[in-house]
Amino acid sequence: MRHPDGPGKRPECDTGRMLDPNPQNGQKKMLLVFGSFLAIFVVIAIIATIASP
C-alpha cells in the first residue's frame, strides 16, 4: 500500500503525550512501585510457606 503523500515521505506518528522527561517526585514514585513489587513478593512467599506441607 502506497502512502498518499508520495513515495519518499514518511508518515508522522501522532502518539499524543509521551513520557515526561522530568517528572515531579519521580524518585518517590519509583520507590513506591518497587516497594509494592517487594510487598507482593513477600505476601506470596508467606502464603506459599503457610500452604506448604
PDB file of N, CA and C in Angstrom:
ATOM      1  N   MET A   1       0.842  -1.188   0.000  1.00  0.00           N
ATOM      2  CA  MET A   1       0.000   0.000   0.000  1.00  0.00           C
ATOM      3  C   MET A   1       0.881   1.244   0.000  1.00  0.00           C
ATOM      4  N   ARG A   2       0.573   2.163  -0.891  1.00  0.00           N
ATOM      5  CA  ARG A   2       1.378   3.370  -1.002  1.00  0.00           C
ATOM      6  C   ARG A   2       0.824   4.466  -0.116  1.00  0.00           C
ATOM      7  N   HIS A   3       1.735   5.309   0.342  1.00  0.00           N
ATOM      8  CA  HIS A   3       1.324   6.440   1.168  1.00  0.00           C
ATOM      9  C   HIS A   3       0.808   7.551   0.265  1.00  0.00           C
ATOM     10  N   PRO A   4      -0.286   8.220   0.638  1.00  0.00           N
ATOM     11  CA  PRO A   4      -0.870   9.225  -0.266  1.00  0.00           C
ATOM     12  C   PRO A   4       0.000  10.451  -0.496  1.00  0.00           C
ATOM     13  N   ASP A   5       0.975  10.722   0.392  1.00  0.00           N
ATOM     14  CA  ASP A   5       1.807  11.915   0.221  1.00  0.00           C
ATOM     15  C   ASP A   5       2.949  11.700  -0.761  1.00  0.00           C
ATOM     16  N   GLY A   6       3.180  10.483  -1.167  1.00  0.00           N
ATOM     17  CA  GLY A   6       4.246  10.224  -2.119  1.00  0.00           C
ATOM     18  C   GLY A   6       5.183   9.150  -1.600  1.00  0.00           C
ATOM     19  N   PRO A   7       6.093   8.682  -2.476  1.00  0.00           N
ATOM     20  CA  PRO A   7       6.943   7.557  -2.090  1.00  0.00           C
ATOM     21  C   PRO A   7       8.021   7.914  -1.070  1.00  0.00           C
ATOM     22  N   GLY A   8       8.511   9.153  -1.061  1.00  0.00           N
ATOM     23  CA  GLY A   8       9.623   9.496  -0.181  1.00  0.00           C
ATOM     24  C   GLY A   8       9.210  10.040   1.174  1.00  0.00           C
ATOM     25  N   LYS A   9       7.950  10.262   1.372  1.00  0.00           N
ATOM     26  CA  LYS A   9       7.503  10.908   2.609  1.00  0.00           C
ATOM     27  C   LYS A   9       7.083   9.854   3.627  1.00  0.00           C
ATOM     28  N   ARG A  10       7.632   9.955   4.827  1.00  0.00           N
ATOM     29  CA  ARG A  10       7.261   9.016   5.888  1.00  0.00           C
ATOM     30  C   ARG A  10       6.090   9.582   6.673  1.00  0.00           C
ATOM     31  N   PRO A  11       5.142   8.744   7.041  1.00  0.00           N
ATOM     32  CA  PRO A  11       4.007   9.242   7.828  1.00  0.00           C
ATOM     33  C   PRO A  11       4.435   9.594   9.249  1.00  0.00           C
ATOM     34  N   GLU A  12       3.912  10.688   9.727  1.00  0.00           N
ATOM     35  CA  GLU A  12       4.205  11.095  11.097  1.00  0.00           C
ATOM     36  C   GLU A  12       3.330  10.309  12.049  1.00  0.00           C
ATOM     37  N   CYS A  13       3.893   9.956  13.183  1.00  0.00           N
ATOM     38  CA  CYS A  13       3.164   9.163  14.172  1.00  0.00           C
ATOM     39  C   CYS A  13       2.715  10.103  15.287  1.00  0.00           C
ATOM     40  N   ASP A  14       1.427  10.299  15.400  1.00  0.00           N
ATOM     41  CA  ASP A  14       0.889  11.170  16.437  1.00  0.00           C
ATOM     42  C   ASP A  14       0.452  10.309  17.617  1.00  0.00           C
ATOM     43  N   THR A  15       1.323  10.210  18.605  1.00  0.00           N
ATOM     44  CA  THR A  15       1.032   9.341  19.747  1.00  0.00           C
ATOM     45  C   THR A  15       0.541  10.122  20.950  1.00  0.00           C
ATOM     46  N   GLY A  16       0.377  11.401  20.811  1.00  0.00           N
ATOM     47  CA  GLY A  16      -0.065  12.188  21.960  1.00  0.00           C
ATOM     48  C   GLY A  16       1.115  12.511  22.857  1.00  0.00           C
ATOM     49  N   ARG A  17       0.860  12.597  24.129  1.00  0.00           N
ATOM     50  CA  ARG A  17       1.907  12.971  25.075  1.00  0.00           C
ATOM     51  C   ARG A  17       2.751  11.754  25.444  1.00  0.00           C
ATOM     52  N   MET A  18       4.045  11.901  25.336  1.00  0.00           N
ATOM     53  CA  MET A  18       4.950  10.814  25.691  1.00  0.00           C
ATOM     54  C   MET A  18       5.332  10.956  27.158  1.00  0.00           C
ATOM     55  N   LEU A  19       6.297  10.172  27.604  1.00  0.00           N
ATOM     56  CA  LEU A  19       6.733  10.238  28.997  1.00  0.00           C
ATOM     57  C   LEU A  19       7.358  11.593  29.297  1.00  0.00           C
ATOM     58  N   ASP A  20       7.087  12.091  30.482  1.00  0.00           N
ATOM     59  CA  ASP A  20       7.635  13.370  30.908  1.00  0.00           C
ATOM     60  C   ASP A  20       9.122  13.199  31.197  1.00  0.00           C
ATOM     61  N   PRO A  21      10.009  13.991  30.584  1.00  0.00           N
ATOM     62  CA  PRO A  21      11.441  13.808  30.828  1.00  0.00           C
ATOM     63  C   PRO A  21      11.858  14.157  32.256  1.00  0.00           C
ATOM     64  N   ASN A  22      11.164  15.073  32.906  1.00  0.00           N
ATOM     65  CA  ASN A  22      11.480  15.456  34.282  1.00  0.00           C
ATOM     66  C   ASN A  22      10.226  15.376  35.137  1.00  0.00           C
ATOM     67  N   PRO A  23       9.842  14.166  35.562  1.00  0.00           N
ATOM     68  CA  PRO A  23       8.603  14.049  36.341  1.00  0.00           C
ATOM     69  C   PRO A  23       8.756  14.611  37.748  1.00  0.00           C
ATOM     70  N   GLN A  24       7.674  15.121  38.283  1.00  0.00           N
ATOM     71  CA  GLN A  24       7.680  15.595  39.659  1.00  0.00           C
ATOM     72  C   GLN A  24       7.659  14.388  40.588  1.00  0.00           C
ATOM     73  N   ASN A  25       8.500  14.402  41.612  1.00  0.00           N
ATOM     74  CA  ASN A  25       8.600  13.313  42.590  1.00  0.00           C
ATOM     75  C   ASN A  25       8.844  11.971  41.906  1.00  0.00           C
ATOM     76  N   GLY A  26       9.694  11.946  40.901  1.00  0.00           N
ATOM     77  CA  GLY A  26       9.950  10.715  40.163  1.00  0.00           C
ATOM     78  C   GLY A  26      10.590   9.643  41.016  1.00  0.00           C
ATOM     79  N   GLN A  27      11.512  10.058  41.902  1.00  0.00           N
ATOM     80  CA  GLN A  27      12.193   9.081  42.748  1.00  0.00           C
ATOM     81  C   GLN A  27      11.218   8.459  43.745  1.00  0.00           C
ATOM     82  N   LYS A  28      10.310   9.270  44.260  1.00  0.00           N
ATOM     83  CA  LYS A  28       9.320   8.758  45.215  1.00  0.00           C
ATOM     84  C   LYS A  28       8.369   7.782  44.526  1.00  0.00           C
ATOM     85  N   LYS A  29       7.958   8.098  43.287  1.00  0.00           N
ATOM     86  CA  LYS A  29       7.058   7.199  42.554  1.00  0.00           C
ATOM     87  C   LYS A  29       7.742   5.872  42.241  1.00  0.00           C
ATOM     88  N   MET A  30       9.011   5.933  41.834  1.00  0.00           N
ATOM     89  CA  MET A  30       9.727   4.707  41.519  1.00  0.00           C
ATOM     90  C   MET A  30       9.931   3.867  42.775  1.00  0.00           C
ATOM     91  N   LEU A  31      10.217   4.501  43.906  1.00  0.00           N
ATOM     92  CA  LEU A  31      10.355   3.780  45.167  1.00  0.00           C
ATOM     93  C   LEU A  31       9.039   3.125  45.564  1.00  0.00           C
ATOM     94  N   LEU A  32       7.934   3.803  45.316  1.00  0.00           N
ATOM     95  CA  LEU A  32       6.613   3.238  45.619  1.00  0.00           C
ATOM     96  C   LEU A  32       6.328   2.017  44.737  1.00  0.00           C
ATOM     97  N   VAL A  33       6.686   2.087  43.460  1.00  0.00           N
ATOM     98  CA  VAL A  33       6.462   0.956  42.551  1.00  0.00           C
ATOM     99  C   VAL A  33       7.300  -0.246  42.973  1.00  0.00           C
ATOM    100  N   PHE A  34       8.598  -0.025  43.229  1.00  0.00           N
ATOM    101  CA  PHE A  34       9.453  -1.144  43.619  1.00  0.00           C
ATOM    102  C   PHE A  34       9.082  -1.678  44.992  1.00  0.00           C
ATOM    103  N   GLY A  35       8.645  -0.804  45.894  1.00  0.00           N
ATOM    104  CA  GLY A  35       8.189  -1.250  47.208  1.00  0.00           C
ATOM    105  C   GLY A  35       6.945  -2.108  47.113  1.00  0.00           C
ATOM    106  N   SER A  36       6.038  -1.750  46.209  1.00  0.00           N
ATOM    107  CA  SER A  36       4.829  -2.564  46.042  1.00  0.00           C
ATOM    108  C   SER A  36       5.171  -3.917  45.425  1.00  0.00           C
ATOM    109  N   PHE A  37       6.138  -3.956  44.481  1.00  0.00           N
ATOM    110  CA  PHE A  37       6.586  -5.246  43.944  1.00  0.00           C
ATOM    111  C   PHE A  37       7.144  -6.127  45.054  1.00  0.00           C
ATOM    112  N   LEU A  38       7.967  -5.544  45.914  1.00  0.00           N
ATOM    113  CA  LEU A  38       8.563  -6.309  47.006  1.00  0.00           C
ATOM    114  C   LEU A  38       7.497  -6.783  47.985  1.00  0.00           C
ATOM    115  N   ALA A  39       6.525  -5.938  48.281  1.00  0.00           N
ATOM    116  CA  ALA A  39       5.453  -6.316  49.206  1.00  0.00           C
ATOM    117  C   ALA A  39       4.623  -7.470  48.641  1.00  0.00           C
ATOM    118  N   ILE A  40       4.310  -7.426  47.350  1.00  0.00           N
ATOM    119  CA  ILE A  40       3.553  -8.513  46.728  1.00  0.00           C
ATOM    120  C   ILE A  40       4.359  -9.810  46.774  1.00  0.00           C
ATOM    121  N   PHE A  41       5.660  -9.708  46.506  1.00  0.00           N
ATOM    122  CA  PHE A  41       6.518 -10.887  46.551  1.00  0.00           C
ATOM    123  C   PHE A  41       6.565 -11.482  47.958  1.00  0.00           C
ATOM    124  N   VAL A  42       6.650 -10.639  48.981  1.00  0.00           N
ATOM    125  CA  VAL A  42       6.691 -11.115  50.365  1.00  0.00           C
ATOM    126  C   VAL A  42       5.373 -11.787  50.741  1.00  0.00           C
ATOM    127  N   VAL A  43       4.247 -11.202  50.336  1.00  0.00           N
ATOM    128  CA  VAL A  43       2.941 -11.802  50.642  1.00  0.00           C
ATOM    129  C   VAL A  43       2.817 -13.174  49.980  1.00  0.00           C
ATOM    130  N   ILE A  44       3.256 -13.289  48.723  1.00  0.00           N
ATOM    131  CA  ILE A  44       3.205 -14.583  48.039  1.00  0.00           C
ATOM    132  C   ILE A  44       4.112 -15.592  48.743  1.00  0.00           C
ATOM    133  N   ALA A  45       5.287 -15.160  49.182  1.00  0.00           N
ATOM    134  CA  ALA A  45       6.206 -16.066  49.872  1.00  0.00           C
ATOM    135  C   ALA A  45       5.621 -16.547  51.195  1.00  0.00           C
ATOM    136  N   ILE A  46       4.956 -15.663  51.934  1.00  0.00           N
ATOM    137  CA  ILE A  46       4.338 -16.057  53.207  1.00  0.00           C
ATOM    138  C   ILE A  46       3.209 -17.053  52.968  1.00  0.00           C
ATOM    139  N   ILE A  47       2.376 -16.786  51.960  1.00  0.00           N
ATOM    140  CA  ILE A  47       1.275 -17.709  51.648  1.00  0.00           C
ATOM    141  C   ILE A  47       1.827 -19.065  51.209  1.00  0.00           C
ATOM    142  N   ALA A  48       2.889 -19.063  50.415  1.00  0.00           N
ATOM    143  CA  ALA A  48       3.478 -20.326  49.966  1.00  0.00           C
ATOM    144  C   ALA A  48       4.090 -21.090  51.137  1.00  0.00           C
ATOM    145  N   THR A  49       4.682 -20.379  52.094  1.00  0.00           N
ATOM    146  CA  THR A  49       5.263 -21.037  53.259  1.00  0.00           C
ATOM    147  C   THR A  49       4.185 -21.663  54.130  1.00  0.00           C
ATOM    148  N   ILE A  50       3.079 -20.964  54.311  1.00  0.00           N
ATOM    149  CA  ILE A  50       1.986 -21.495  55.128  1.00  0.00           C
ATOM    150  C   ILE A  50       1.320 -22.676  54.426  1.00  0.00           C
ATOM    151  N   ALA A  51       1.175 -22.609  53.116  1.00  0.00           N
ATOM    152  CA  ALA A  51       0.465 -23.649  52.377  1.00  0.00           C
ATOM    153  C   ALA A  51       1.309 -24.895  52.140  1.00  0.00           C
ATOM    154  N   SER A  52       2.633 -24.789  52.314  1.00  0.00           N
ATOM    155  CA  SER A  52       3.472 -25.962  52.057  1.00  0.00           C
ATOM    156  C   SER A  52       3.299 -26.993  53.175  1.00  0.00           C
ATOM    157  N   PRO A  53       3.359 -28.276  52.844  1.00  0.00           N
ATOM    158  CA  PRO A  53       3.154 -29.316  53.860  1.00  0.00           C
ATOM    159  C   PRO A  53       4.334 -29.459  54.815  1.00  0.00           C
TER     160      PRO A  53
END
